[in-house]
Amino acid sequence: MTKSETEGNVFVFSFCREGFEAIVNLSVIDQAYVLAKMADEILPQSVNSILNMMSTRARFNEHRGMEVWVVKLGPEFTEDALLKMADTDPQSAADLARLGENIYGDSSKKPTATIV
């Protein structure tokens, strides 16, 4: 595995036609979970529980055309920067998310749906 393959963070994006619901840095969540487990401390939410919650919410809001995507991005991307992008240029943020793996929603929408 090369250095470029291990650098960066994994993010989950949850959005619909009406806009973004969440962008979460899963790498930070996973690191906090592992460190808490090693220290025998109370465990925070795991990556799996976050993905389950987002996909369940998407399933129950199917009428909104929800999409959930997981994508690995370079170290230059931060959660704050992605949230700002979702506010200022939501279509670009959706297109970026669709470069990843589809967890829920119509995966044929690479990148066709427009967020208004």
PDB file of N, CA and C in Angstrom:
ATOM      1  N   MET A   1       0.840  -1.176   0.000  1.00  0.00           N
ATOM      2  CA  MET A   1       0.000   0.000   0.000  1.00  0.00           C
ATOM      3  C   MET A   1       0.888   1.243   0.000  1.00  0.00           C
ATOM      4  N   THR A   2       0.623   2.151  -0.905  1.00  0.00           N
ATOM      5  CA  THR A   2       1.439   3.353  -0.999  1.00  0.00           C
ATOM      6  C   THR A   2       0.946   4.416  -0.025  1.00  0.00           C
ATOM      7  N   LYS A   3       1.783   5.413   0.194  1.00  0.00           N
ATOM      8  CA  LYS A   3       1.437   6.494   1.099  1.00  0.00           C
ATOM      9  C   LYS A   3       0.173   7.220   0.638  1.00  0.00           C
ATOM     10  N   SER A   4       0.017   7.420  -0.675  1.00  0.00           N
ATOM     11  CA  SER A   4      -1.159   8.123  -1.192  1.00  0.00           C
ATOM     12  C   SER A   4      -2.438   7.323  -0.971  1.00  0.00           C
ATOM     13  N   GLU A   5      -2.325   5.992  -0.873  1.00  0.00           N
ATOM     14  CA  GLU A   5      -3.498   5.166  -0.630  1.00  0.00           C
ATOM     15  C   GLU A   5      -3.944   5.219   0.829  1.00  0.00           C
ATOM     16  N   THR A   6      -3.024   5.540   1.732  1.00  0.00           N
ATOM     17  CA  THR A   6      -3.366   5.564   3.153  1.00  0.00           C
ATOM     18  C   THR A   6      -3.655   6.967   3.675  1.00  0.00           C
ATOM     19  N   GLU A   7      -3.237   8.004   2.959  1.00  0.00           N
ATOM     20  CA  GLU A   7      -3.491   9.373   3.392  1.00  0.00           C
ATOM     21  C   GLU A   7      -4.918   9.777   3.073  1.00  0.00           C
ATOM     22  N   GLY A   8      -5.426  10.722   3.851  1.00  0.00           N
ATOM     23  CA  GLY A   8      -6.761  11.240   3.599  1.00  0.00           C
ATOM     24  C   GLY A   8      -7.758  10.738   4.622  1.00  0.00           C
ATOM     25  N   ASN A   9      -9.002  11.059   4.394  1.00  0.00           N
ATOM     26  CA  ASN A   9     -10.083  10.701   5.304  1.00  0.00           C
ATOM     27  C   ASN A   9     -11.263  10.145   4.531  1.00  0.00           C
ATOM     28  N   VAL A  10     -12.037   9.327   5.214  1.00  0.00           N
ATOM     29  CA  VAL A  10     -13.253   8.768   4.645  1.00  0.00           C
ATOM     30  C   VAL A  10     -14.433   9.554   5.203  1.00  0.00           C
ATOM     31  N   PHE A  11     -15.285  10.034   4.310  1.00  0.00           N
ATOM     32  CA  PHE A  11     -16.448  10.831   4.698  1.00  0.00           C
ATOM     33  C   PHE A  11     -17.721  10.135   4.251  1.00  0.00           C
ATOM     34  N   VAL A  12     -18.786  10.335   5.013  1.00  0.00           N
ATOM     35  CA  VAL A  12     -20.112   9.907   4.584  1.00  0.00           C
ATOM     36  C   VAL A  12     -20.928  11.167   4.341  1.00  0.00           C
ATOM     37  N   PHE A  13     -21.630  11.189   3.211  1.00  0.00           N
ATOM     38  CA  PHE A  13     -22.480  12.307   2.808  1.00  0.00           C
ATOM     39  C   PHE A  13     -23.926  11.820   2.791  1.00  0.00           C
ATOM     40  N   SER A  14     -24.823  12.580   3.391  1.00  0.00           N
ATOM     41  CA  SER A  14     -26.240  12.266   3.366  1.00  0.00           C
ATOM     42  C   SER A  14     -26.977  13.506   2.861  1.00  0.00           C
ATOM     43  N   PHE A  15     -27.720  13.346   1.768  1.00  0.00           N
ATOM     44  CA  PHE A  15     -28.415  14.495   1.187  1.00  0.00           C
ATOM     45  C   PHE A  15     -29.621  14.047   0.379  1.00  0.00           C
ATOM     46  N   CYS A  16     -30.437  15.018   0.015  1.00  0.00           N
ATOM     47  CA  CYS A  16     -31.603  14.778  -0.823  1.00  0.00           C
ATOM     48  C   CYS A  16     -31.772  15.971  -1.762  1.00  0.00           C
ATOM     49  N   ARG A  17     -32.870  16.012  -2.467  1.00  0.00           N
ATOM     50  CA  ARG A  17     -33.118  17.115  -3.395  1.00  0.00           C
ATOM     51  C   ARG A  17     -33.165  18.467  -2.695  1.00  0.00           C
ATOM     52  N   GLU A  18     -33.506  18.444  -1.411  1.00  0.00           N
ATOM     53  CA  GLU A  18     -33.660  19.686  -0.651  1.00  0.00           C
ATOM     54  C   GLU A  18     -32.355  20.181  -0.042  1.00  0.00           C
ATOM     55  N   GLY A  19     -31.306  19.375  -0.094  1.00  0.00           N
ATOM     56  CA  GLY A  19     -30.021  19.795   0.454  1.00  0.00           C
ATOM     57  C   GLY A  19     -29.352  18.722   1.290  1.00  0.00           C
ATOM     58  N   PHE A  20     -28.286  19.114   1.938  1.00  0.00           N
ATOM     59  CA  PHE A  20     -27.481  18.188   2.726  1.00  0.00           C
ATOM     60  C   PHE A  20     -28.037  18.037   4.131  1.00  0.00           C
ATOM     61  N   GLU A  21     -28.027  16.813   4.620  1.00  0.00           N
ATOM     62  CA  GLU A  21     -28.398  16.544   6.002  1.00  0.00           C
ATOM     63  C   GLU A  21     -27.155  16.421   6.865  1.00  0.00           C
ATOM     64  N   ALA A  22     -26.121  15.732   6.334  1.00  0.00           N
ATOM     65  CA  ALA A  22     -24.922  15.525   7.145  1.00  0.00           C
ATOM     66  C   ALA A  22     -23.718  15.192   6.271  1.00  0.00           C
ATOM     67  N   ILE A  23     -22.572  15.622   6.751  1.00  0.00           N
ATOM     68  CA  ILE A  23     -21.283  15.197   6.214  1.00  0.00           C
ATOM     69  C   ILE A  23     -20.444  14.872   7.451  1.00  0.00           C
ATOM     70  N   VAL A  24     -20.003  13.623   7.557  1.00  0.00           N
ATOM     71  CA  VAL A  24     -19.292  13.172   8.755  1.00  0.00           C
ATOM     72  C   VAL A  24     -17.962  12.544   8.355  1.00  0.00           C
ATOM     73  N   ASN A  25     -16.902  12.936   9.063  1.00  0.00           N
ATOM     74  CA  ASN A  25     -15.579  12.363   8.847  1.00  0.00           C
ATOM     75  C   ASN A  25     -15.509  11.041   9.607  1.00  0.00           C
ATOM     76  N   LEU A  26     -15.647   9.934   8.886  1.00  0.00           N
ATOM     77  CA  LEU A  26     -15.654   8.621   9.512  1.00  0.00           C
ATOM     78  C   LEU A  26     -14.272   8.220  10.031  1.00  0.00           C
ATOM     79  N   SER A  27     -13.226   8.762   9.451  1.00  0.00           N
ATOM     80  CA  SER A  27     -11.869   8.437   9.907  1.00  0.00           C
ATOM     81  C   SER A  27     -11.656   8.900  11.341  1.00  0.00           C
ATOM     82  N   VAL A  28     -12.151  10.081  11.671  1.00  0.00           N
ATOM     83  CA  VAL A  28     -12.028  10.620  13.031  1.00  0.00           C
ATOM     84  C   VAL A  28     -12.860   9.777  14.001  1.00  0.00           C
ATOM     85  N   ILE A  29     -14.068   9.406  13.579  1.00  0.00           N
ATOM     86  CA  ILE A  29     -14.954   8.587  14.414  1.00  0.00           C
ATOM     87  C   ILE A  29     -14.283   7.241  14.695  1.00  0.00           C
ATOM     88  N   ASP A  30     -13.734   6.617  13.662  1.00  0.00           N
ATOM     89  CA  ASP A  30     -13.094   5.314  13.809  1.00  0.00           C
ATOM     90  C   ASP A  30     -11.886   5.403  14.740  1.00  0.00           C
ATOM     91  N   GLN A  31     -11.093   6.441  14.588  1.00  0.00           N
ATOM     92  CA  GLN A  31      -9.916   6.618  15.439  1.00  0.00           C
ATOM     93  C   GLN A  31     -10.329   6.793  16.899  1.00  0.00           C
ATOM     94  N   ALA A  32     -11.343   7.598  17.159  1.00  0.00           N
ATOM     95  CA  ALA A  32     -11.816   7.814  18.530  1.00  0.00           C
ATOM     96  C   ALA A  32     -12.346   6.514  19.133  1.00  0.00           C
ATOM     97  N   TYR A  33     -13.024   5.712  18.318  1.00  0.00           N
ATOM     98  CA  TYR A  33     -13.579   4.437  18.778  1.00  0.00           C
ATOM     99  C   TYR A  33     -12.452   3.479  19.175  1.00  0.00           C
ATOM    100  N   VAL A  34     -11.441   3.362  18.321  1.00  0.00           N
ATOM    101  CA  VAL A  34     -10.322   2.456  18.590  1.00  0.00           C
ATOM    102  C   VAL A  34      -9.560   2.896  19.840  1.00  0.00           C
ATOM    103  N   LEU A  35      -9.284   4.194  19.957  1.00  0.00           N
ATOM    104  CA  LEU A  35      -8.551   4.690  21.121  1.00  0.00           C
ATOM    105  C   LEU A  35      -9.335   4.461  22.415  1.00  0.00           C
ATOM    106  N   ALA A  36     -10.646   4.677  22.389  1.00  0.00           N
ATOM    107  CA  ALA A  36     -11.479   4.445  23.575  1.00  0.00           C
ATOM    108  C   ALA A  36     -11.506   2.965  23.942  1.00  0.00           C
ATOM    109  N   LYS A  37     -11.575   2.116  22.938  1.00  0.00           N
ATOM    110  CA  LYS A  37     -11.599   0.666  23.186  1.00  0.00           C
ATOM    111  C   LYS A  37     -10.275   0.214  23.799  1.00  0.00           C
ATOM    112  N   MET A  38      -9.161   0.716  23.292  1.00  0.00           N
ATOM    113  CA  MET A  38      -7.846   0.347  23.824  1.00  0.00           C
ATOM    114  C   MET A  38      -7.669   0.854  25.251  1.00  0.00           C
ATOM    115  N   ALA A  39      -8.255   1.996  25.574  1.00  0.00           N
ATOM    116  CA  ALA A  39      -8.125   2.581  26.913  1.00  0.00           C
ATOM    117  C   ALA A  39      -9.200   2.060  27.865  1.00  0.00           C
ATOM    118  N   ASP A  40     -10.041   1.153  27.387  1.00  0.00           N
ATOM    119  CA  ASP A  40     -11.122   0.581  28.182  1.00  0.00           C
ATOM    120  C   ASP A  40     -12.052   1.669  28.722  1.00  0.00           C
ATOM    121  N   GLU A  41     -12.350   2.656  27.857  1.00  0.00           N
ATOM    122  CA  GLU A  41     -13.244   3.759  28.192  1.00  0.00           C
ATOM    123  C   GLU A  41     -14.608   3.510  27.559  1.00  0.00           C
ATOM    124  N   ILE A  42     -15.558   4.358  27.893  1.00  0.00           N
ATOM    125  CA  ILE A  42     -16.889   4.269  27.275  1.00  0.00           C
ATOM    126  C   ILE A  42     -16.733   4.519  25.784  1.00  0.00           C
ATOM    127  N   LEU A  43     -17.316   3.631  24.998  1.00  0.00           N
ATOM    128  CA  LEU A  43     -17.146   3.713  23.549  1.00  0.00           C
ATOM    129  C   LEU A  43     -18.082   4.740  22.922  1.00  0.00           C
ATOM    130  N   PRO A  44     -17.538   5.585  22.024  1.00  0.00           N
ATOM    131  CA  PRO A  44     -18.399   6.501  21.262  1.00  0.00           C
ATOM    132  C   PRO A  44     -19.118   5.708  20.170  1.00  0.00           C
ATOM    133  N   GLN A  45     -19.942   6.388  19.407  1.00  0.00           N
ATOM    134  CA  GLN A  45     -20.608   5.720  18.292  1.00  0.00           C
ATOM    135  C   GLN A  45     -19.569   5.165  17.333  1.00  0.00           C
ATOM    136  N   SER A  46     -19.872   4.006  16.794  1.00  0.00           N
ATOM    137  CA  SER A  46     -18.972   3.407  15.811  1.00  0.00           C
ATOM    138  C   SER A  46     -19.351   3.877  14.408  1.00  0.00           C
ATOM    139  N   VAL A  47     -18.449   3.670  13.483  1.00  0.00           N
ATOM    140  CA  VAL A  47     -18.710   3.992  12.077  1.00  0.00           C
ATOM    141  C   VAL A  47     -19.944   3.235  11.607  1.00  0.00           C
ATOM    142  N   ASN A  48     -20.031   1.971  11.984  1.00  0.00           N
ATOM    143  CA  ASN A  48     -21.156   1.143  11.565  1.00  0.00           C
ATOM    144  C   ASN A  48     -22.490   1.704  12.061  1.00  0.00           C
ATOM    145  N   SER A  49     -22.534   2.164  13.311  1.00  0.00           N
ATOM    146  CA  SER A  49     -23.796   2.704  13.827  1.00  0.00           C
ATOM    147  C   SER A  49     -24.190   3.993  13.102  1.00  0.00           C
ATOM    148  N   ILE A  50     -23.211   4.814  12.755  1.00  0.00           N
ATOM    149  CA  ILE A  50     -23.505   6.046  12.015  1.00  0.00           C
ATOM    150  C   ILE A  50     -24.043   5.722  10.624  1.00  0.00           C
ATOM    151  N   LEU A  51     -23.418   4.780   9.939  1.00  0.00           N
ATOM    152  CA  LEU A  51     -23.891   4.390   8.606  1.00  0.00           C
ATOM    153  C   LEU A  51     -25.290   3.781   8.681  1.00  0.00           C
ATOM    154  N   ASN A  52     -25.543   2.965   9.709  1.00  0.00           N
ATOM    155  CA  ASN A  52     -26.877   2.373   9.879  1.00  0.00           C
ATOM    156  C   ASN A  52     -27.931   3.441  10.127  1.00  0.00           C
ATOM    157  N   MET A  53     -27.619   4.419  10.978  1.00  0.00           N
ATOM    158  CA  MET A  53     -28.579   5.489  11.257  1.00  0.00           C
ATOM    159  C   MET A  53     -28.887   6.302  10.000  1.00  0.00           C
ATOM    160  N   MET A  54     -27.857   6.628   9.231  1.00  0.00           N
ATOM    161  CA  MET A  54     -28.066   7.438   8.024  1.00  0.00           C
ATOM    162  C   MET A  54     -28.864   6.670   6.971  1.00  0.00           C
ATOM    163  N   SER A  55     -28.556   5.390   6.781  1.00  0.00           N
ATOM    164  CA  SER A  55     -29.283   4.624   5.764  1.00  0.00           C
ATOM    165  C   SER A  55     -30.717   4.339   6.218  1.00  0.00           C
ATOM    166  N   THR A  56     -30.943   4.144   7.518  1.00  0.00           N
ATOM    167  CA  THR A  56     -32.308   3.963   8.021  1.00  0.00           C
ATOM    168  C   THR A  56     -33.120   5.239   7.822  1.00  0.00           C
ATOM    169  N   ARG A  57     -32.526   6.376   8.135  1.00  0.00           N
ATOM    170  CA  ARG A  57     -33.219   7.660   7.929  1.00  0.00           C
ATOM    171  C   ARG A  57     -33.552   7.848   6.449  1.00  0.00           C
ATOM    172  N   ALA A  58     -32.615   7.501   5.585  1.00  0.00           N
ATOM    173  CA  ALA A  58     -32.855   7.625   4.142  1.00  0.00           C
ATOM    174  C   ALA A  58     -33.994   6.716   3.696  1.00  0.00           C
ATOM    175  N   ARG A  59     -34.021   5.497   4.211  1.00  0.00           N
ATOM    176  CA  ARG A  59     -35.080   4.553   3.859  1.00  0.00           C
ATOM    177  C   ARG A  59     -36.458   5.076   4.272  1.00  0.00           C
ATOM    178  N   PHE A  60     -36.541   5.670   5.460  1.00  0.00           N
ATOM    179  CA  PHE A  60     -37.820   6.172   5.957  1.00  0.00           C
ATOM    180  C   PHE A  60     -38.209   7.514   5.342  1.00  0.00           C
ATOM    181  N   ASN A  61     -37.318   8.133   4.610  1.00  0.00           N
ATOM    182  CA  ASN A  61     -37.603   9.393   3.918  1.00  0.00           C
ATOM    183  C   ASN A  61     -37.427   9.220   2.413  1.00  0.00           C
ATOM    184  N   GLU A  62     -37.828   8.068   1.922  1.00  0.00           N
ATOM    185  CA  GLU A  62     -37.660   7.734   0.512  1.00  0.00           C
ATOM    186  C   GLU A  62     -38.318   8.751  -0.420  1.00  0.00           C
ATOM    187  N   HIS A  63     -39.413   9.344   0.029  1.00  0.00           N
ATOM    188  CA  HIS A  63     -40.137  10.327  -0.787  1.00  0.00           C
ATOM    189  C   HIS A  63     -39.286  11.576  -1.065  1.00  0.00           C
ATOM    190  N   ARG A  64     -38.220  11.784  -0.282  1.00  0.00           N
ATOM    191  CA  ARG A  64     -37.350  12.940  -0.485  1.00  0.00           C
ATOM    192  C   ARG A  64     -36.178  12.634  -1.422  1.00  0.00           C
ATOM    193  N   GLY A  65     -36.073  11.395  -1.890  1.00  0.00           N
ATOM    194  CA  GLY A  65     -34.975  11.036  -2.791  1.00  0.00           C
ATOM    195  C   GLY A  65     -33.627  11.063  -2.097  1.00  0.00           C
ATOM    196  N   MET A  66     -33.575  10.559  -0.877  1.00  0.00           N
ATOM    197  CA  MET A  66     -32.341  10.576  -0.083  1.00  0.00           C
ATOM    198  C   MET A  66     -31.235   9.747  -0.741  1.00  0.00           C
ATOM    199  N   GLU A  67     -30.006  10.215  -0.568  1.00  0.00           N
ATOM    200  CA  GLU A  67     -28.823   9.494  -1.020  1.00  0.00           C
ATOM    201  C   GLU A  67     -27.793   9.500   0.106  1.00  0.00           C
ATOM    202  N   VAL A  68     -27.106   8.373   0.274  1.00  0.00           N
ATOM    203  CA  VAL A  68     -26.015   8.266   1.243  1.00  0.00           C
ATOM    204  C   VAL A  68     -24.821   7.681   0.508  1.00  0.00           C
ATOM    205  N   TRP A  69     -23.693   8.382   0.562  1.00  0.00           N
ATOM    206  CA  TRP A  69     -22.476   7.992  -0.146  1.00  0.00           C
ATOM    207  C   TRP A  69     -21.286   8.029   0.802  1.00  0.00           C
ATOM    208  N   VAL A  70     -20.355   7.108   0.605  1.00  0.00           N
ATOM    209  CA  VAL A  70     -19.090   7.099   1.348  1.00  0.00           C
ATOM    210  C   VAL A  70     -17.973   7.303   0.336  1.00  0.00           C
ATOM    211  N   VAL A  71     -17.081   8.250   0.640  1.00  0.00           N
ATOM    212  CA  VAL A  71     -15.991   8.544  -0.291  1.00  0.00           C
ATOM    213  C   VAL A  71     -14.710   8.850   0.488  1.00  0.00           C
ATOM    214  N   LYS A  72     -13.595   8.363  -0.030  1.00  0.00           N
ATOM    215  CA  LYS A  72     -12.295   8.692   0.556  1.00  0.00           C
ATOM    216  C   LYS A  72     -11.720   9.873  -0.205  1.00  0.00           C
ATOM    217  N   LEU A  73     -11.349  10.904   0.563  1.00  0.00           N
ATOM    218  CA  LEU A  73     -10.808  12.123  -0.034  1.00  0.00           C
ATOM    219  C   LEU A  73      -9.422  12.400   0.535  1.00  0.00           C
ATOM    220  N   GLY A  74      -8.676  13.205  -0.174  1.00  0.00           N
ATOM    221  CA  GLY A  74      -7.321  13.554   0.235  1.00  0.00           C
ATOM    222  C   GLY A  74      -7.295  14.328   1.537  1.00  0.00           C
ATOM    223  N   PRO A  75      -6.106  14.447   2.133  1.00  0.00           N
ATOM    224  CA  PRO A  75      -5.975  15.132   3.422  1.00  0.00           C
ATOM    225  C   PRO A  75      -6.319  16.622   3.362  1.00  0.00           C
ATOM    226  N   GLU A  76      -6.379  17.198   2.166  1.00  0.00           N
ATOM    227  CA  GLU A  76      -6.725  18.617   2.047  1.00  0.00           C
ATOM    228  C   GLU A  76      -8.213  18.876   2.322  1.00  0.00           C
ATOM    229  N   PHE A  77      -9.035  17.825   2.308  1.00  0.00           N
ATOM    230  CA  PHE A  77     -10.464  17.966   2.590  1.00  0.00           C
ATOM    231  C   PHE A  77     -10.710  17.791   4.078  1.00  0.00           C
ATOM    232  N   THR A  78     -11.430  18.756   4.663  1.00  0.00           N
ATOM    233  CA  THR A  78     -11.812  18.661   6.069  1.00  0.00           C
ATOM    234  C   THR A  78     -13.335  18.658   6.150  1.00  0.00           C
ATOM    235  N   GLU A  79     -13.840  18.220   7.284  1.00  0.00           N
ATOM    236  CA  GLU A  79     -15.286  18.210   7.470  1.00  0.00           C
ATOM    237  C   GLU A  79     -15.851  19.632   7.379  1.00  0.00           C
ATOM    238  N   ASP A  80     -15.164  20.579   7.998  1.00  0.00           N
ATOM    239  CA  ASP A  80     -15.617  21.976   7.948  1.00  0.00           C
ATOM    240  C   ASP A  80     -15.649  22.511   6.523  1.00  0.00           C
ATOM    241  N   ALA A  81     -14.607  22.225   5.752  1.00  0.00           N
ATOM    242  CA  ALA A  81     -14.549  22.699   4.364  1.00  0.00           C
ATOM    243  C   ALA A  81     -15.662  22.069   3.522  1.00  0.00           C
ATOM    244  N   LEU A  82     -15.936  20.788   3.756  1.00  0.00           N
ATOM    245  CA  LEU A  82     -16.998  20.118   3.000  1.00  0.00           C
ATOM    246  C   LEU A  82     -18.378  20.645   3.389  1.00  0.00           C
ATOM    247  N   LEU A  83     -18.571  20.928   4.667  1.00  0.00           N
ATOM    248  CA  LEU A  83     -19.848  21.516   5.100  1.00  0.00           C
ATOM    249  C   LEU A  83     -20.044  22.892   4.486  1.00  0.00           C
ATOM    250  N   LYS A  84     -18.964  23.663   4.406  1.00  0.00           N
ATOM    251  CA  LYS A  84     -19.037  24.986   3.771  1.00  0.00           C
ATOM    252  C   LYS A  84     -19.357  24.845   2.280  1.00  0.00           C
ATOM    253  N   MET A  85     -18.733  23.871   1.623  1.00  0.00           N
ATOM    254  CA  MET A  85     -19.012  23.611   0.208  1.00  0.00           C
ATOM    255  C   MET A  85     -20.479  23.221   0.022  1.00  0.00           C
ATOM    256  N   ALA A  86     -21.015  22.419   0.927  1.00  0.00           N
ATOM    257  CA  ALA A  86     -22.417  22.006   0.838  1.00  0.00           C
ATOM    258  C   ALA A  86     -23.353  23.203   0.961  1.00  0.00           C
ATOM    259  N   ASP A  87     -22.940  24.211   1.726  1.00  0.00           N
ATOM    260  CA  ASP A  87     -23.755  25.428   1.865  1.00  0.00           C
ATOM    261  C   ASP A  87     -23.633  26.351   0.661  1.00  0.00           C
ATOM    262  N   THR A  88     -22.416  26.527   0.161  1.00  0.00           N
ATOM    263  CA  THR A  88     -22.186  27.498  -0.910  1.00  0.00           C
ATOM    264  C   THR A  88     -22.356  26.925  -2.313  1.00  0.00           C
ATOM    265  N   ASP A  89     -22.031  25.645  -2.489  1.00  0.00           N
ATOM    266  CA  ASP A  89     -22.112  25.009  -3.803  1.00  0.00           C
ATOM    267  C   ASP A  89     -22.562  23.556  -3.641  1.00  0.00           C
ATOM    268  N   PRO A  90     -23.833  23.363  -3.271  1.00  0.00           N
ATOM    269  CA  PRO A  90     -24.297  22.014  -2.961  1.00  0.00           C
ATOM    270  C   PRO A  90     -24.197  21.018  -4.116  1.00  0.00           C
ATOM    271  N   GLN A  91     -24.336  21.476  -5.347  1.00  0.00           N
ATOM    272  CA  GLN A  91     -24.253  20.533  -6.462  1.00  0.00           C
ATOM    273  C   GLN A  91     -22.845  19.965  -6.599  1.00  0.00           C
ATOM    274  N   SER A  92     -21.826  20.810  -6.417  1.00  0.00           N
ATOM    275  CA  SER A  92     -20.447  20.315  -6.473  1.00  0.00           C
ATOM    276  C   SER A  92     -20.171  19.341  -5.340  1.00  0.00           C
ATOM    277  N   ALA A  93     -20.725  19.622  -4.161  1.00  0.00           N
ATOM    278  CA  ALA A  93     -20.552  18.709  -3.029  1.00  0.00           C
ATOM    279  C   ALA A  93     -21.232  17.369  -3.314  1.00  0.00           C
ATOM    280  N   ALA A  94     -22.420  17.400  -3.921  1.00  0.00           N
ATOM    281  CA  ALA A  94     -23.115  16.163  -4.278  1.00  0.00           C
ATOM    282  C   ALA A  94     -22.338  15.386  -5.331  1.00  0.00           C
ATOM    283  N   ASP A  95     -21.806  16.083  -6.327  1.00  0.00           N
ATOM    284  CA  ASP A  95     -21.005  15.428  -7.362  1.00  0.00           C
ATOM    285  C   ASP A  95     -19.750  14.792  -6.767  1.00  0.00           C
ATOM    286  N   LEU A  96     -19.125  15.472  -5.808  1.00  0.00           N
ATOM    287  CA  LEU A  96     -17.944  14.938  -5.137  1.00  0.00           C
ATOM    288  C   LEU A  96     -18.308  13.671  -4.369  1.00  0.00           C
ATOM    289  N   ALA A  97     -19.420  13.702  -3.654  1.00  0.00           N
ATOM    290  CA  ALA A  97     -19.875  12.529  -2.897  1.00  0.00           C
ATOM    291  C   ALA A  97     -20.116  11.346  -3.824  1.00  0.00           C
ATOM    292  N   ARG A  98     -20.674  11.620  -4.986  1.00  0.00           N
ATOM    293  CA  ARG A  98     -21.019  10.548  -5.930  1.00  0.00           C
ATOM    294  C   ARG A  98     -19.807   9.915  -6.596  1.00  0.00           C
ATOM    295  N   LEU A  99     -18.627  10.411  -6.300  1.00  0.00           N
ATOM    296  CA  LEU A  99     -17.404   9.744  -6.767  1.00  0.00           C
ATOM    297  C   LEU A  99     -17.106   8.512  -5.930  1.00  0.00           C
ATOM    298  N   GLY A 100     -17.793   8.390  -4.793  1.00  0.00           N
ATOM    299  CA  GLY A 100     -17.543   7.296  -3.860  1.00  0.00           C
ATOM    300  C   GLY A 100     -18.472   6.118  -4.065  1.00  0.00           C
ATOM    301  N   GLU A 101     -18.725   5.422  -2.960  1.00  0.00           N
ATOM    302  CA  GLU A 101     -19.560   4.229  -2.970  1.00  0.00           C
ATOM    303  C   GLU A 101     -20.952   4.568  -2.466  1.00  0.00           C
ATOM    304  N   ASN A 102     -21.955   4.146  -3.209  1.00  0.00           N
ATOM    305  CA  ASN A 102     -23.343   4.411  -2.848  1.00  0.00           C
ATOM    306  C   ASN A 102     -23.787   3.446  -1.750  1.00  0.00           C
ATOM    307  N   ILE A 103     -24.257   4.008  -0.625  1.00  0.00           N
ATOM    308  CA  ILE A 103     -24.774   3.207   0.484  1.00  0.00           C
ATOM    309  C   ILE A 103     -26.289   3.100   0.388  1.00  0.00           C
ATOM    310  N   TYR A 104     -26.937   4.190  -0.013  1.00  0.00           N
ATOM    311  CA  TYR A 104     -28.385   4.191  -0.182  1.00  0.00           C
ATOM    312  C   TYR A 104     -28.757   5.227  -1.236  1.00  0.00           C
ATOM    313  N   GLY A 105     -29.777   4.902  -2.014  1.00  0.00           N
ATOM    314  CA  GLY A 105     -30.274   5.820  -3.037  1.00  0.00           C
ATOM    315  C   GLY A 105     -29.978   5.277  -4.418  1.00  0.00           C
ATOM    316  N   ASP A 106     -30.367   6.017  -5.386  1.00  0.00           N
ATOM    317  CA  ASP A 106     -30.211   5.612  -6.777  1.00  0.00           C
ATOM    318  C   ASP A 106     -28.779   5.863  -7.225  1.00  0.00           C
ATOM    319  N   SER A 107     -27.988   4.801  -7.331  1.00  0.00           N
ATOM    320  CA  SER A 107     -26.580   4.952  -7.703  1.00  0.00           C
ATOM    321  C   SER A 107     -26.394   5.306  -9.175  1.00  0.00           C
ATOM    322  N   SER A 108     -27.478   5.268  -9.954  1.00  0.00           N
ATOM    323  CA  SER A 108     -27.348   5.661 -11.363  1.00  0.00           C
ATOM    324  C   SER A 108     -27.312   7.175 -11.520  1.00  0.00           C
ATOM    325  N   LYS A 109     -27.462   7.907 -10.405  1.00  0.00           N
ATOM    326  CA  LYS A 109     -27.476   9.372 -10.446  1.00  0.00           C
ATOM    327  C   LYS A 109     -26.082   9.973 -10.469  1.00  0.00           C
ATOM    328  N   LYS A 110     -25.115   9.277 -10.935  1.00  0.00           N
ATOM    329  CA  LYS A 110     -23.735   9.803 -10.974  1.00  0.00           C
ATOM    330  C   LYS A 110     -23.599  10.774 -12.104  1.00  0.00           C
ATOM    331  N   PRO A 111     -23.370  11.952 -11.983  1.00  0.00           N
ATOM    332  CA  PRO A 111     -23.904  12.978 -11.117  1.00  0.00           C
ATOM    333  C   PRO A 111     -25.002  13.742 -11.839  1.00  0.00           C
ATOM    334  N   THR A 112     -26.234  13.295 -11.762  1.00  0.00           N
ATOM    335  CA  THR A 112     -27.291  13.910 -12.549  1.00  0.00           C
ATOM    336  C   THR A 112     -28.289  14.742 -11.744  1.00  0.00           C
ATOM    337  N   ALA A 113     -28.671  14.314 -10.540  1.00  0.00           N
ATOM    338  CA  ALA A 113     -29.695  15.043  -9.790  1.00  0.00           C
ATOM    339  C   ALA A 113     -29.190  16.390  -9.335  1.00  0.00           C
ATOM    340  N   THR A 114     -30.041  17.354  -9.409  1.00  0.00           N
ATOM    341  CA  THR A 114     -29.669  18.710  -9.007  1.00  0.00           C
ATOM    342  C   THR A 114     -30.275  19.027  -7.654  1.00  0.00           C
ATOM    343  N   ILE A 115     -29.466  19.563  -6.763  1.00  0.00           N
ATOM    344  CA  ILE A 115     -29.953  20.014  -5.458  1.00  0.00           C
ATOM    345  C   ILE A 115     -30.351  21.462  -5.611  1.00  0.00           C
ATOM    346  N   VAL A 116     -31.542  21.803  -5.151  1.00  0.00           N
ATOM    347  CA  VAL A 116     -32.034  23.159  -5.283  1.00  0.00           C
ATOM    348  C   VAL A 116     -31.879  23.921  -3.986  1.00  0.00           C
TER     349      VAL A 116
END
